[in-house]
Amino acid sequence: MNDSTSIKGSNEPAPMRFADAYAELQAIAAKLKPEPGQIPDVDAIEPLVRRANVLAAHCQERIEAVRKLIGEQASS
């Protein structure tokens, strides 16, 4: 994972490139890993989960678009 990946706000659009969106998702996942002995900060977690939902939906759309293209080529 790229340590310089910044996490955007949930109201910002997902990056155009799949790799950028996926890297941001990985950065969020790393931030959401619980620290041993610490109580999770729900106020900090909520915006991360909202952003992750935006990114996951974008990544899923990109994957489905590629699957559709592959399916169209296979049936030609």
C-alpha atoms as a PDB file:
ATOM      1  CA  MET A   1       0.000   0.000   0.000  1.00  0.00           C
ATOM      2  CA  ASN A   2       1.178   3.500  -0.761  1.00  0.00           C
ATOM      3  CA  ASP A   3       1.728   5.351   2.550  1.00  0.00           C
ATOM      4  CA  SER A   4       0.980   8.661   0.824  1.00  0.00           C
ATOM      5  CA  THR A   5      -2.575   7.633  -0.083  1.00  0.00           C
ATOM      6  CA  SER A   6      -4.903  10.262   1.331  1.00  0.00           C
ATOM      7  CA  ILE A   7      -8.413   9.529   2.478  1.00  0.00           C
ATOM      8  CA  LYS A   8     -10.994  11.914   1.080  1.00  0.00           C
ATOM      9  CA  GLY A   9     -14.354  12.951   2.496  1.00  0.00           C
ATOM     10  CA  SER A  10     -17.418  10.796   1.832  1.00  0.00           C
ATOM     11  CA  ASN A  11     -18.998  13.549  -0.277  1.00  0.00           C
ATOM     12  CA  GLU A  12     -16.076  13.635  -2.709  1.00  0.00           C
ATOM     13  CA  PRO A  13     -16.308  11.534  -5.872  1.00  0.00           C
ATOM     14  CA  ALA A  14     -14.327   8.334  -6.117  1.00  0.00           C
ATOM     15  CA  PRO A  15     -11.056   8.531  -8.064  1.00  0.00           C
ATOM     16  CA  MET A  16     -11.406   7.764 -11.757  1.00  0.00           C
ATOM     17  CA  ARG A  17      -8.751   5.034 -11.674  1.00  0.00           C
ATOM     18  CA  PHE A  18      -9.668   1.720 -10.054  1.00  0.00           C
ATOM     19  CA  ALA A  19      -6.154   1.414  -8.596  1.00  0.00           C
ATOM     20  CA  ASP A  20      -6.473   4.782  -6.831  1.00  0.00           C
ATOM     21  CA  ALA A  21      -9.884   3.931  -5.380  1.00  0.00           C
ATOM     22  CA  TYR A  22      -8.611   0.526  -4.256  1.00  0.00           C
ATOM     23  CA  ALA A  23      -5.526   2.070  -2.628  1.00  0.00           C
ATOM     24  CA  GLU A  24      -7.741   4.486  -0.724  1.00  0.00           C
ATOM     25  CA  LEU A  25      -9.906   1.551   0.403  1.00  0.00           C
ATOM     26  CA  GLN A  26      -6.786  -0.213   1.670  1.00  0.00           C
ATOM     27  CA  ALA A  27      -5.745   2.927   3.570  1.00  0.00           C
ATOM     28  CA  ILE A  28      -9.169   3.063   5.218  1.00  0.00           C
ATOM     29  CA  ALA A  29      -8.988  -0.635   6.121  1.00  0.00           C
ATOM     30  CA  ALA A  30      -5.626  -0.037   7.779  1.00  0.00           C
ATOM     31  CA  LYS A  31      -7.052   2.858   9.808  1.00  0.00           C
ATOM     32  CA  LEU A  32     -10.033   0.760  10.890  1.00  0.00           C
ATOM     33  CA  LYS A  33      -7.890  -2.022  12.387  1.00  0.00           C
ATOM     34  CA  PRO A  34      -8.392  -1.845  16.144  1.00  0.00           C
ATOM     35  CA  GLU A  35      -5.465  -0.936  18.327  1.00  0.00           C
ATOM     36  CA  PRO A  36      -4.947  -3.424  21.150  1.00  0.00           C
ATOM     37  CA  GLY A  37      -6.273  -2.049  24.415  1.00  0.00           C
ATOM     38  CA  GLN A  38      -7.944   1.011  22.869  1.00  0.00           C
ATOM     39  CA  ILE A  39     -11.619   1.776  22.597  1.00  0.00           C
ATOM     40  CA  PRO A  40     -12.577   2.549  18.972  1.00  0.00           C
ATOM     41  CA  ASP A  41     -13.552   6.184  18.291  1.00  0.00           C
ATOM     42  CA  VAL A  42     -16.947   5.838  16.643  1.00  0.00           C
ATOM     43  CA  ASP A  43     -16.914   9.503  15.622  1.00  0.00           C
ATOM     44  CA  ALA A  44     -13.720   8.899  13.657  1.00  0.00           C
ATOM     45  CA  ILE A  45     -14.881   5.559  12.253  1.00  0.00           C
ATOM     46  CA  GLU A  46     -18.196   6.758  10.799  1.00  0.00           C
ATOM     47  CA  PRO A  47     -16.770   9.022   8.051  1.00  0.00           C
ATOM     48  CA  LEU A  48     -14.244   6.343   7.122  1.00  0.00           C
ATOM     49  CA  VAL A  49     -16.995   3.761   6.685  1.00  0.00           C
ATOM     50  CA  ARG A  50     -19.060   6.223   4.627  1.00  0.00           C
ATOM     51  CA  ARG A  51     -16.065   6.873   2.344  1.00  0.00           C
ATOM     52  CA  ALA A  52     -15.335   3.155   2.100  1.00  0.00           C
ATOM     53  CA  ASN A  53     -18.912   2.581   0.921  1.00  0.00           C
ATOM     54  CA  VAL A  54     -18.459   5.186  -1.859  1.00  0.00           C
ATOM     55  CA  LEU A  55     -15.179   3.608  -2.941  1.00  0.00           C
ATOM     56  CA  ALA A  56     -16.453   0.024  -2.753  1.00  0.00           C
ATOM     57  CA  ALA A  57     -19.463   0.898  -4.922  1.00  0.00           C
ATOM     58  CA  HIS A  58     -17.177   2.575  -7.467  1.00  0.00           C
ATOM     59  CA  CYS A  59     -14.814  -0.407  -7.563  1.00  0.00           C
ATOM     60  CA  GLN A  60     -17.727  -2.809  -7.962  1.00  0.00           C
ATOM     61  CA  GLU A  61     -19.101  -0.748 -10.875  1.00  0.00           C
ATOM     62  CA  ARG A  62     -15.691  -0.822 -12.579  1.00  0.00           C
ATOM     63  CA  ILE A  63     -15.404  -4.596 -12.113  1.00  0.00           C
ATOM     64  CA  GLU A  64     -18.912  -5.148 -13.493  1.00  0.00           C
ATOM     65  CA  ALA A  65     -18.113  -2.954 -16.513  1.00  0.00           C
ATOM     66  CA  VAL A  66     -15.057  -5.073 -17.302  1.00  0.00           C
ATOM     67  CA  ARG A  67     -17.012  -8.304 -16.806  1.00  0.00           C
ATOM     68  CA  LYS A  68     -19.632  -7.026 -19.239  1.00  0.00           C
ATOM     69  CA  LEU A  69     -16.962  -6.213 -21.815  1.00  0.00           C
ATOM     70  CA  ILE A  70     -15.425  -9.651 -21.437  1.00  0.00           C
ATOM     71  CA  GLY A  71     -18.856 -11.257 -21.803  1.00  0.00           C
ATOM     72  CA  GLU A  72     -19.552  -9.251 -24.964  1.00  0.00           C
ATOM     73  CA  GLN A  73     -16.224 -10.262 -26.481  1.00  0.00           C
ATOM     74  CA  ALA A  74     -16.731 -13.925 -25.603  1.00  0.00           C
ATOM     75  CA  SER A  75     -20.121 -14.002 -27.330  1.00  0.00           C
ATOM     76  CA  SER A  76     -18.840 -12.343 -30.516  1.00  0.00           C
END
